Amino acid sequence: MRSYDLATSTVCNTTHSFIYPMLYHDIHRKYMLRLELSDEGAEKYSTILKSLNCDLPGLTDFPVEMSLLPVQEYRFRIARDPNTLLEKIRIFDANLDDRIIELLKLLYKQILCETKLGLEISNILFAIQDSRQEFLLINDDEVMGEVDIDWDSYSWIRDNLADRIEKNSSDTYIFDATWAARL
């Protein structure tokens, strides 16, 4: 797991990571990612994001900088763990659609389960290594292998499922395996 802050105890000399909610904002690529570890925090931030296009009375902690954004041009996402936050950054920096990547990851996971290669996969993460975009196969925070991304499948999903993706994206900001499985 990657962390944002590390602290070393002066008593036992061990290093611990501290993960906390944070906002990542890329002004140039027009996306904003919020790391929210708790269900309550994710729900609260979802409410804030939904209110960007309407008036919600009583919303007192509306971030001022968000009221100045051209919200129609932005992608807003909520990540529930640091690895997902970093993955979303990589996806958006590569000018890809994270929703299509989530659908591809679900497809890969199903194919790997059906072929029974003996790999237990708890997660698949988009990664860029040596200028190559690929999926890392993860089990218990350990990389078990990597696979190339089938860009023809990415294009097919983009071209054939765009309406369905948009329809199922309007009321959520968390795009993960659960979202992909519901589509």
N, C-alpha and C. Protein backbone atom coordinates (compact mmCIF):
# COMPACT_ATOMS: atom_id res chain seq x y z
N MET A 1 0.84 -1.17 0.00
CA MET A 1 0.00 0.00 0.00
C MET A 1 0.88 1.24 0.00
N ARG A 2 0.49 2.23 -0.75
CA ARG A 2 1.22 3.49 -0.78
C ARG A 2 0.54 4.45 0.19
N SER A 3 1.33 5.30 0.81
CA SER A 3 0.75 6.24 1.76
C SER A 3 1.23 7.65 1.47
N TYR A 4 0.57 8.58 2.06
CA TYR A 4 0.85 9.99 1.82
C TYR A 4 1.73 10.58 2.91
N ASP A 5 1.56 10.15 4.10
CA ASP A 5 2.37 10.64 5.21
C ASP A 5 2.90 9.46 6.01
N LEU A 6 4.15 9.54 6.38
CA LEU A 6 4.76 8.55 7.24
C LEU A 6 5.24 9.23 8.50
N ALA A 7 5.11 8.54 9.61
CA ALA A 7 5.61 9.07 10.87
C ALA A 7 6.38 7.97 11.59
N THR A 8 7.50 8.33 12.15
CA THR A 8 8.31 7.37 12.88
C THR A 8 8.18 7.66 14.37
N SER A 9 7.83 6.63 15.12
CA SER A 9 7.66 6.77 16.56
C SER A 9 9.02 6.96 17.22
N THR A 10 9.10 7.93 18.11
CA THR A 10 10.34 8.16 18.85
C THR A 10 10.49 7.15 19.99
N VAL A 11 9.40 6.48 20.34
CA VAL A 11 9.44 5.50 21.42
C VAL A 11 9.95 4.14 20.92
N CYS A 12 9.34 3.63 19.86
CA CYS A 12 9.71 2.28 19.39
C CYS A 12 10.44 2.29 18.05
N ASN A 13 10.64 3.47 17.49
CA ASN A 13 11.40 3.65 16.24
C ASN A 13 10.79 2.90 15.04
N THR A 14 9.47 2.71 15.05
CA THR A 14 8.81 2.10 13.90
C THR A 14 8.11 3.18 13.09
N THR A 15 7.98 2.93 11.80
CA THR A 15 7.35 3.89 10.91
C THR A 15 5.92 3.45 10.62
N HIS A 16 5.00 4.39 10.72
CA HIS A 16 3.59 4.13 10.48
C HIS A 16 3.08 5.10 9.42
N SER A 17 2.13 4.61 8.64
CA SER A 17 1.52 5.51 7.66
C SER A 17 0.19 6.02 8.20
N PHE A 18 -0.13 7.24 7.85
CA PHE A 18 -1.38 7.86 8.24
C PHE A 18 -2.12 8.25 6.97
N ILE A 19 -3.27 7.64 6.78
CA ILE A 19 -4.07 7.92 5.59
C ILE A 19 -5.29 8.70 6.04
N TYR A 20 -5.56 9.78 5.35
CA TYR A 20 -6.65 10.66 5.74
C TYR A 20 -7.37 11.16 4.50
N PRO A 21 -8.60 11.61 4.66
CA PRO A 21 -9.32 12.15 3.50
C PRO A 21 -8.54 13.31 2.89
N MET A 22 -8.56 13.36 1.57
CA MET A 22 -7.86 14.44 0.88
C MET A 22 -8.53 14.71 -0.46
N LEU A 23 -8.22 15.86 -1.03
CA LEU A 23 -8.73 16.25 -2.32
C LEU A 23 -7.57 16.42 -3.28
N TYR A 24 -7.65 15.77 -4.43
CA TYR A 24 -6.65 15.91 -5.48
C TYR A 24 -7.32 16.63 -6.65
N HIS A 25 -6.76 17.75 -7.07
CA HIS A 25 -7.40 18.58 -8.09
C HIS A 25 -6.40 18.84 -9.21
N ASP A 26 -6.73 18.40 -10.41
CA ASP A 26 -5.91 18.68 -11.58
C ASP A 26 -6.66 19.71 -12.42
N ILE A 27 -6.21 20.95 -12.34
CA ILE A 27 -6.88 22.05 -13.02
C ILE A 27 -6.77 21.92 -14.53
N HIS A 28 -5.63 21.46 -15.02
CA HIS A 28 -5.40 21.39 -16.46
C HIS A 28 -6.21 20.28 -17.14
N ARG A 29 -6.30 19.13 -16.48
CA ARG A 29 -7.06 18.02 -17.07
C ARG A 29 -8.51 18.02 -16.60
N LYS A 30 -8.84 18.94 -15.73
CA LYS A 30 -10.21 19.16 -15.24
C LYS A 30 -10.82 17.92 -14.60
N TYR A 31 -10.15 17.45 -13.56
CA TYR A 31 -10.75 16.41 -12.74
C TYR A 31 -10.39 16.65 -11.28
N MET A 32 -11.27 16.13 -10.43
CA MET A 32 -11.09 16.26 -9.00
C MET A 32 -11.39 14.91 -8.36
N LEU A 33 -10.47 14.45 -7.53
CA LEU A 33 -10.61 13.17 -6.85
C LEU A 33 -10.61 13.40 -5.35
N ARG A 34 -11.52 12.77 -4.67
CA ARG A 34 -11.58 12.87 -3.22
C ARG A 34 -11.32 11.49 -2.63
N LEU A 35 -10.34 11.39 -1.75
CA LEU A 35 -10.10 10.16 -1.00
C LEU A 35 -10.95 10.21 0.25
N GLU A 36 -11.90 9.31 0.34
CA GLU A 36 -12.79 9.22 1.52
C GLU A 36 -12.77 7.78 2.00
N LEU A 37 -12.31 7.58 3.21
CA LEU A 37 -12.18 6.23 3.76
C LEU A 37 -13.46 5.73 4.39
N SER A 38 -14.30 6.63 4.87
CA SER A 38 -15.51 6.21 5.57
C SER A 38 -16.73 6.33 4.67
N ASP A 39 -17.74 5.49 4.95
CA ASP A 39 -19.00 5.57 4.21
C ASP A 39 -19.66 6.93 4.42
N GLU A 40 -19.60 7.41 5.66
CA GLU A 40 -20.21 8.71 5.99
C GLU A 40 -19.55 9.84 5.19
N GLY A 41 -18.23 9.83 5.12
CA GLY A 41 -17.52 10.85 4.37
C GLY A 41 -17.82 10.78 2.89
N ALA A 42 -17.89 9.56 2.34
CA ALA A 42 -18.20 9.40 0.91
C ALA A 42 -19.61 9.88 0.61
N GLU A 43 -20.54 9.59 1.50
CA GLU A 43 -21.93 10.02 1.31
C GLU A 43 -22.04 11.55 1.38
N LYS A 44 -21.34 12.13 2.32
CA LYS A 44 -21.37 13.59 2.48
C LYS A 44 -20.78 14.28 1.24
N TYR A 45 -19.67 13.76 0.75
CA TYR A 45 -19.03 14.37 -0.41
C TYR A 45 -19.87 14.17 -1.67
N SER A 46 -20.54 13.02 -1.77
CA SER A 46 -21.45 12.79 -2.89
C SER A 46 -22.56 13.83 -2.90
N THR A 47 -23.08 14.14 -1.71
CA THR A 47 -24.13 15.16 -1.59
C THR A 47 -23.62 16.51 -2.06
N ILE A 48 -22.40 16.84 -1.68
CA ILE A 48 -21.80 18.11 -2.12
C ILE A 48 -21.67 18.14 -3.63
N LEU A 49 -21.19 17.05 -4.22
CA LEU A 49 -21.03 17.00 -5.67
C LEU A 49 -22.36 17.09 -6.40
N LYS A 50 -23.36 16.41 -5.88
CA LYS A 50 -24.69 16.46 -6.51
C LYS A 50 -25.27 17.87 -6.45
N SER A 51 -24.89 18.63 -5.43
CA SER A 51 -25.44 19.98 -5.26
C SER A 51 -24.80 21.00 -6.19
N LEU A 52 -23.75 20.62 -6.88
CA LEU A 52 -23.08 21.58 -7.77
C LEU A 52 -24.01 22.07 -8.87
N ASN A 53 -24.98 21.26 -9.24
CA ASN A 53 -25.91 21.64 -10.30
C ASN A 53 -27.27 22.10 -9.78
N CYS A 54 -27.41 22.19 -8.47
CA CYS A 54 -28.69 22.66 -7.92
C CYS A 54 -28.43 23.35 -6.59
N ASP A 55 -29.45 23.92 -6.04
CA ASP A 55 -29.36 24.64 -4.78
C ASP A 55 -29.84 23.75 -3.65
N LEU A 56 -29.00 23.41 -2.71
CA LEU A 56 -29.41 22.64 -1.55
C LEU A 56 -29.34 23.53 -0.32
N PRO A 57 -30.48 23.89 0.25
CA PRO A 57 -30.45 24.74 1.45
C PRO A 57 -29.79 24.01 2.62
N GLY A 58 -29.07 24.76 3.42
CA GLY A 58 -28.45 24.19 4.61
C GLY A 58 -27.10 23.54 4.38
N LEU A 59 -26.58 23.58 3.17
CA LEU A 59 -25.27 23.00 2.90
C LEU A 59 -24.22 24.04 3.25
N THR A 60 -23.68 23.94 4.46
CA THR A 60 -22.80 25.00 4.97
C THR A 60 -21.33 24.77 4.69
N ASP A 61 -20.92 23.55 4.44
CA ASP A 61 -19.49 23.30 4.26
C ASP A 61 -19.13 23.09 2.79
N PHE A 62 -19.82 23.79 1.91
CA PHE A 62 -19.55 23.72 0.48
C PHE A 62 -18.19 24.32 0.20
N PRO A 63 -17.24 23.56 -0.38
CA PRO A 63 -15.92 24.12 -0.64
C PRO A 63 -16.00 25.29 -1.62
N VAL A 64 -15.47 26.43 -1.22
CA VAL A 64 -15.56 27.65 -2.01
C VAL A 64 -14.96 27.46 -3.40
N GLU A 65 -13.79 26.79 -3.47
CA GLU A 65 -13.15 26.64 -4.77
C GLU A 65 -14.00 25.86 -5.76
N MET A 66 -14.87 24.97 -5.26
CA MET A 66 -15.71 24.19 -6.15
C MET A 66 -16.82 25.03 -6.77
N SER A 67 -17.24 26.08 -6.10
CA SER A 67 -18.31 26.92 -6.64
C SER A 67 -17.81 27.75 -7.82
N LEU A 68 -16.51 27.83 -8.01
CA LEU A 68 -15.94 28.61 -9.09
C LEU A 68 -15.57 27.77 -10.31
N LEU A 69 -15.77 26.46 -10.23
CA LEU A 69 -15.37 25.56 -11.31
C LEU A 69 -16.41 25.50 -12.42
N PRO A 70 -15.96 25.30 -13.66
CA PRO A 70 -16.89 25.00 -14.74
C PRO A 70 -17.30 23.53 -14.63
N VAL A 71 -18.26 23.24 -13.75
CA VAL A 71 -18.55 21.86 -13.36
C VAL A 71 -18.95 20.96 -14.51
N GLN A 72 -19.55 21.50 -15.55
CA GLN A 72 -19.96 20.65 -16.68
C GLN A 72 -18.76 20.04 -17.39
N GLU A 73 -17.60 20.67 -17.28
CA GLU A 73 -16.39 20.19 -17.96
C GLU A 73 -15.55 19.26 -17.08
N TYR A 74 -15.92 19.10 -15.83
CA TYR A 74 -15.10 18.37 -14.87
C TYR A 74 -15.54 16.92 -14.69
N ARG A 75 -14.58 16.08 -14.31
CA ARG A 75 -14.86 14.73 -13.84
C ARG A 75 -14.60 14.71 -12.34
N PHE A 76 -15.60 14.34 -11.58
CA PHE A 76 -15.49 14.25 -10.13
C PHE A 76 -15.58 12.78 -9.74
N ARG A 77 -14.69 12.34 -8.87
CA ARG A 77 -14.69 10.96 -8.42
C ARG A 77 -14.38 10.90 -6.93
N ILE A 78 -14.87 9.83 -6.31
CA ILE A 78 -14.55 9.53 -4.92
C ILE A 78 -13.81 8.19 -4.92
N ALA A 79 -12.64 8.19 -4.33
CA ALA A 79 -11.84 6.96 -4.18
C ALA A 79 -11.95 6.52 -2.73
N ARG A 80 -12.07 5.23 -2.50
CA ARG A 80 -12.27 4.72 -1.15
C ARG A 80 -10.99 4.19 -0.51
N ASP A 81 -9.88 4.19 -1.26
CA ASP A 81 -8.60 3.78 -0.68
C ASP A 81 -7.48 4.44 -1.49
N PRO A 82 -6.29 4.54 -0.91
CA PRO A 82 -5.18 5.23 -1.59
C PRO A 82 -4.78 4.62 -2.93
N ASN A 83 -4.82 3.30 -3.05
CA ASN A 83 -4.45 2.68 -4.32
C ASN A 83 -5.42 3.07 -5.43
N THR A 84 -6.69 3.16 -5.10
CA THR A 84 -7.69 3.57 -6.09
C THR A 84 -7.47 5.02 -6.48
N LEU A 85 -7.15 5.86 -5.52
CA LEU A 85 -6.87 7.26 -5.82
C LEU A 85 -5.70 7.38 -6.81
N LEU A 86 -4.63 6.68 -6.53
CA LEU A 86 -3.46 6.71 -7.43
C LEU A 86 -3.80 6.13 -8.80
N GLU A 87 -4.61 5.08 -8.82
CA GLU A 87 -5.02 4.49 -10.09
C GLU A 87 -5.84 5.48 -10.91
N LYS A 88 -6.79 6.17 -10.28
CA LYS A 88 -7.61 7.15 -11.00
C LYS A 88 -6.73 8.27 -11.57
N ILE A 89 -5.74 8.70 -10.82
CA ILE A 89 -4.82 9.73 -11.32
C ILE A 89 -4.12 9.23 -12.58
N ARG A 90 -3.61 7.99 -12.53
CA ARG A 90 -2.93 7.42 -13.69
C ARG A 90 -3.87 7.32 -14.90
N ILE A 91 -5.09 6.89 -14.65
CA ILE A 91 -6.07 6.72 -15.73
C ILE A 91 -6.37 8.07 -16.37
N PHE A 92 -6.66 9.07 -15.56
CA PHE A 92 -7.01 10.38 -16.10
C PHE A 92 -5.81 11.05 -16.76
N ASP A 93 -4.63 10.87 -16.19
CA ASP A 93 -3.43 11.43 -16.81
C ASP A 93 -3.14 10.79 -18.17
N ALA A 94 -3.60 9.56 -18.37
CA ALA A 94 -3.44 8.88 -19.65
C ALA A 94 -4.61 9.19 -20.61
N ASN A 95 -5.48 10.12 -20.20
CA ASN A 95 -6.65 10.52 -21.00
C ASN A 95 -7.58 9.36 -21.31
N LEU A 96 -7.80 8.50 -20.32
CA LEU A 96 -8.69 7.36 -20.46
C LEU A 96 -9.94 7.57 -19.61
N ASP A 97 -10.95 6.77 -19.87
CA ASP A 97 -12.20 6.81 -19.12
C ASP A 97 -12.14 5.73 -18.04
N ASP A 98 -12.17 6.15 -16.78
CA ASP A 98 -12.05 5.19 -15.68
C ASP A 98 -13.22 4.21 -15.63
N ARG A 99 -14.38 4.60 -16.13
CA ARG A 99 -15.54 3.71 -16.14
C ARG A 99 -15.30 2.54 -17.10
N ILE A 100 -14.71 2.83 -18.24
CA ILE A 100 -14.39 1.77 -19.19
C ILE A 100 -13.30 0.87 -18.63
N ILE A 101 -12.33 1.47 -17.97
CA ILE A 101 -11.26 0.68 -17.33
C ILE A 101 -11.87 -0.26 -16.28
N GLU A 102 -12.84 0.22 -15.50
CA GLU A 102 -13.49 -0.63 -14.49
C GLU A 102 -14.22 -1.80 -15.15
N LEU A 103 -14.88 -1.54 -16.27
CA LEU A 103 -15.56 -2.62 -16.98
C LEU A 103 -14.55 -3.63 -17.54
N LEU A 104 -13.44 -3.13 -18.07
CA LEU A 104 -12.38 -4.03 -18.56
C LEU A 104 -11.80 -4.88 -17.44
N LYS A 105 -11.58 -4.26 -16.29
CA LYS A 105 -11.04 -5.00 -15.15
C LYS A 105 -11.98 -6.12 -14.73
N LEU A 106 -13.28 -5.84 -14.75
CA LEU A 106 -14.28 -6.87 -14.42
C LEU A 106 -14.22 -8.01 -15.44
N LEU A 107 -14.10 -7.66 -16.70
CA LEU A 107 -13.99 -8.67 -17.76
C LEU A 107 -12.75 -9.53 -17.56
N TYR A 108 -11.62 -8.89 -17.29
CA TYR A 108 -10.36 -9.63 -17.07
C TYR A 108 -10.48 -10.56 -15.86
N LYS A 109 -11.10 -10.06 -14.80
CA LYS A 109 -11.25 -10.87 -13.59
C LYS A 109 -12.10 -12.11 -13.87
N GLN A 110 -13.18 -11.93 -14.63
CA GLN A 110 -14.03 -13.06 -14.99
C GLN A 110 -13.28 -14.07 -15.86
N ILE A 111 -12.54 -13.56 -16.83
CA ILE A 111 -11.76 -14.45 -17.71
C ILE A 111 -10.72 -15.23 -16.89
N LEU A 112 -10.05 -14.55 -15.98
CA LEU A 112 -9.03 -15.23 -15.16
C LEU A 112 -9.66 -16.28 -14.26
N CYS A 113 -10.85 -16.01 -13.73
CA CYS A 113 -11.54 -16.99 -12.89
C CYS A 113 -11.98 -18.20 -13.71
N GLU A 114 -12.45 -17.95 -14.93
CA GLU A 114 -12.92 -19.04 -15.80
C GLU A 114 -11.77 -19.91 -16.28
N THR A 115 -10.63 -19.32 -16.57
CA THR A 115 -9.51 -20.10 -17.08
C THR A 115 -8.79 -20.85 -15.97
N LYS A 116 -9.03 -20.45 -14.74
CA LYS A 116 -8.46 -21.14 -13.58
C LYS A 116 -6.96 -21.36 -13.71
N LEU A 117 -6.25 -20.28 -13.87
CA LEU A 117 -4.80 -20.36 -14.01
C LEU A 117 -4.11 -20.58 -12.66
N GLY A 118 -4.88 -20.76 -11.62
CA GLY A 118 -4.30 -20.96 -10.31
C GLY A 118 -3.98 -19.66 -9.60
N LEU A 119 -4.33 -18.55 -10.21
CA LEU A 119 -4.09 -17.25 -9.58
C LEU A 119 -5.31 -16.81 -8.79
N GLU A 120 -5.10 -16.44 -7.57
CA GLU A 120 -6.18 -15.83 -6.79
C GLU A 120 -6.00 -14.33 -6.91
N ILE A 121 -7.01 -13.67 -7.42
CA ILE A 121 -6.93 -12.24 -7.66
C ILE A 121 -7.97 -11.53 -6.81
N SER A 122 -7.53 -10.64 -5.93
CA SER A 122 -8.47 -9.86 -5.13
C SER A 122 -8.73 -8.49 -5.76
N ASN A 123 -7.81 -8.05 -6.62
CA ASN A 123 -7.96 -6.73 -7.22
C ASN A 123 -7.13 -6.66 -8.51
N ILE A 124 -7.54 -5.79 -9.39
CA ILE A 124 -6.78 -5.49 -10.60
C ILE A 124 -6.62 -3.99 -10.66
N LEU A 125 -5.40 -3.52 -10.85
CA LEU A 125 -5.12 -2.09 -10.89
C LEU A 125 -4.49 -1.68 -12.21
N PHE A 126 -4.92 -0.55 -12.72
CA PHE A 126 -4.31 0.03 -13.92
C PHE A 126 -2.95 0.60 -13.51
N ALA A 127 -1.94 0.31 -14.30
CA ALA A 127 -0.60 0.79 -13.99
C ALA A 127 0.13 1.19 -15.27
N ILE A 128 1.11 2.03 -15.10
CA ILE A 128 1.99 2.40 -16.21
C ILE A 128 3.40 2.07 -15.76
N GLN A 129 4.03 1.15 -16.48
CA GLN A 129 5.39 0.74 -16.16
C GLN A 129 6.22 0.76 -17.44
N ASP A 130 7.33 1.46 -17.39
CA ASP A 130 8.21 1.58 -18.56
C ASP A 130 7.42 2.03 -19.79
N SER A 131 6.59 3.03 -19.62
CA SER A 131 5.75 3.61 -20.69
C SER A 131 4.68 2.65 -21.21
N ARG A 132 4.50 1.51 -20.56
CA ARG A 132 3.47 0.54 -20.95
C ARG A 132 2.29 0.63 -20.01
N GLN A 133 1.09 0.67 -20.57
CA GLN A 133 -0.12 0.64 -19.76
C GLN A 133 -0.56 -0.80 -19.63
N GLU A 134 -0.78 -1.25 -18.40
CA GLU A 134 -1.14 -2.65 -18.17
C GLU A 134 -1.97 -2.77 -16.91
N PHE A 135 -2.48 -3.95 -16.68
CA PHE A 135 -3.19 -4.26 -15.45
C PHE A 135 -2.29 -5.07 -14.54
N LEU A 136 -2.23 -4.67 -13.27
CA LEU A 136 -1.52 -5.45 -12.26
C LEU A 136 -2.53 -6.36 -11.57
N LEU A 137 -2.21 -7.63 -11.44
CA LEU A 137 -3.06 -8.59 -10.77
C LEU A 137 -2.61 -8.66 -9.31
N ILE A 138 -3.52 -8.31 -8.41
CA ILE A 138 -3.19 -8.16 -7.00
C ILE A 138 -3.92 -9.21 -6.17
N ASN A 139 -3.23 -9.74 -5.18
CA ASN A 139 -3.86 -10.58 -4.17
C ASN A 139 -3.23 -10.24 -2.82
N ASP A 140 -4.05 -9.83 -1.89
CA ASP A 140 -3.57 -9.44 -0.54
C ASP A 140 -2.42 -8.44 -0.62
N ASP A 141 -2.62 -7.38 -1.38
CA ASP A 141 -1.65 -6.29 -1.55
C ASP A 141 -0.32 -6.74 -2.16
N GLU A 142 -0.29 -7.91 -2.77
CA GLU A 142 0.92 -8.40 -3.44
C GLU A 142 0.64 -8.54 -4.93
N VAL A 143 1.54 -8.04 -5.74
CA VAL A 143 1.39 -8.16 -7.19
C VAL A 143 1.70 -9.60 -7.59
N MET A 144 0.70 -10.24 -8.21
CA MET A 144 0.84 -11.64 -8.62
C MET A 144 1.27 -11.75 -10.08
N GLY A 145 1.11 -10.67 -10.83
CA GLY A 145 1.47 -10.67 -12.24
C GLY A 145 0.89 -9.44 -12.92
N GLU A 146 1.16 -9.34 -14.20
CA GLU A 146 0.59 -8.24 -14.97
C GLU A 146 0.14 -8.76 -16.31
N VAL A 147 -0.85 -8.07 -16.88
CA VAL A 147 -1.35 -8.44 -18.21
C VAL A 147 -1.49 -7.18 -19.05
N ASP A 148 -1.26 -7.36 -20.34
CA ASP A 148 -1.45 -6.24 -21.27
C ASP A 148 -2.93 -5.92 -21.39
N ILE A 149 -3.22 -4.68 -21.64
CA ILE A 149 -4.60 -4.25 -21.83
C ILE A 149 -4.97 -4.44 -23.29
N ASP A 150 -6.12 -5.02 -23.52
CA ASP A 150 -6.64 -5.21 -24.87
C ASP A 150 -7.36 -3.93 -25.29
N TRP A 151 -6.68 -3.11 -26.07
CA TRP A 151 -7.23 -1.80 -26.45
C TRP A 151 -8.39 -1.93 -27.43
N ASP A 152 -8.48 -3.05 -28.14
CA ASP A 152 -9.65 -3.27 -29.00
C ASP A 152 -10.90 -3.44 -28.13
N SER A 153 -10.77 -4.13 -27.01
CA SER A 153 -11.90 -4.28 -26.08
C SER A 153 -12.28 -2.94 -25.47
N TYR A 154 -11.28 -2.13 -25.12
CA TYR A 154 -11.54 -0.78 -24.59
C TYR A 154 -12.36 0.01 -25.61
N SER A 155 -11.94 -0.01 -26.87
CA SER A 155 -12.64 0.72 -27.93
C SER A 155 -14.05 0.18 -28.14
N TRP A 156 -14.21 -1.14 -28.08
CA TRP A 156 -15.53 -1.73 -28.28
C TRP A 156 -16.47 -1.28 -27.17
N ILE A 157 -16.01 -1.32 -25.92
CA ILE A 157 -16.85 -0.87 -24.80
C ILE A 157 -17.20 0.61 -24.97
N ARG A 158 -16.21 1.42 -25.30
CA ARG A 158 -16.45 2.86 -25.51
C ARG A 158 -17.49 3.10 -26.60
N ASP A 159 -17.36 2.39 -27.71
CA ASP A 159 -18.23 2.62 -28.86
C ASP A 159 -19.62 2.01 -28.71
N ASN A 160 -19.74 0.91 -28.00
CA ASN A 160 -21.01 0.19 -27.94
C ASN A 160 -21.78 0.33 -26.64
N LEU A 161 -21.13 0.74 -25.59
CA LEU A 161 -21.81 0.84 -24.30
C LEU A 161 -21.87 2.27 -23.76
N ALA A 162 -21.53 3.25 -24.59
CA ALA A 162 -21.46 4.64 -24.13
C ALA A 162 -22.77 5.12 -23.51
N ASP A 163 -23.90 4.86 -24.15
CA ASP A 163 -25.19 5.31 -23.62
C ASP A 163 -25.50 4.66 -22.28
N ARG A 164 -25.22 3.38 -22.19
CA ARG A 164 -25.47 2.66 -20.94
C ARG A 164 -24.56 3.15 -19.81
N ILE A 165 -23.31 3.42 -20.17
CA ILE A 165 -22.36 3.94 -19.18
C ILE A 165 -22.83 5.30 -18.68
N GLU A 166 -23.20 6.18 -19.59
CA GLU A 166 -23.67 7.51 -19.19
C GLU A 166 -24.91 7.43 -18.32
N LYS A 167 -25.86 6.59 -18.71
CA LYS A 167 -27.10 6.44 -17.95
C LYS A 167 -26.84 5.98 -16.52
N ASN A 168 -25.86 5.11 -16.35
CA ASN A 168 -25.55 4.56 -15.02
C ASN A 168 -24.47 5.34 -14.29
N SER A 169 -24.12 6.50 -14.81
CA SER A 169 -23.07 7.31 -14.19
C SER A 169 -23.60 8.61 -13.61
N SER A 170 -24.84 8.93 -13.91
CA SER A 170 -25.34 10.27 -13.58
C SER A 170 -25.49 10.53 -12.09
N ASP A 171 -25.66 9.50 -11.30
CA ASP A 171 -25.97 9.73 -9.88
C ASP A 171 -24.91 9.17 -8.94
N THR A 172 -23.71 8.90 -9.45
CA THR A 172 -22.68 8.34 -8.59
C THR A 172 -21.32 8.96 -8.93
N TYR A 173 -20.43 8.88 -7.96
CA TYR A 173 -19.07 9.39 -8.14
C TYR A 173 -18.04 8.33 -7.77
N ILE A 174 -18.53 7.15 -7.42
CA ILE A 174 -17.64 6.03 -7.08
C ILE A 174 -17.77 5.00 -8.20
N PHE A 175 -16.72 4.90 -9.00
CA PHE A 175 -16.70 3.95 -10.10
C PHE A 175 -15.67 2.88 -9.77
N ASP A 176 -16.18 1.71 -9.42
CA ASP A 176 -15.33 0.60 -9.00
C ASP A 176 -15.93 -0.71 -9.49
N ALA A 177 -15.45 -1.82 -8.97
CA ALA A 177 -15.93 -3.13 -9.40
C ALA A 177 -17.43 -3.29 -9.11
N THR A 178 -17.90 -2.75 -8.01
CA THR A 178 -19.33 -2.85 -7.67
C THR A 178 -20.17 -2.13 -8.71
N TRP A 179 -19.74 -0.92 -9.09
CA TRP A 179 -20.44 -0.17 -10.13
C TRP A 179 -20.42 -0.95 -11.45
N ALA A 180 -19.26 -1.48 -11.82
CA ALA A 180 -19.12 -2.20 -13.09
C ALA A 180 -20.03 -3.43 -13.11
N ALA A 181 -20.14 -4.14 -12.00
CA ALA A 181 -20.95 -5.34 -11.95
C ALA A 181 -22.45 -5.00 -12.08
N ARG A 182 -22.86 -3.83 -11.64
CA ARG A 182 -24.26 -3.41 -11.76
C ARG A 182 -24.62 -3.01 -13.19
N LEU A 183 -23.64 -2.63 -13.98
CA LEU A 183 -23.91 -2.18 -15.34
C LEU A 183 -24.30 -3.37 -16.19
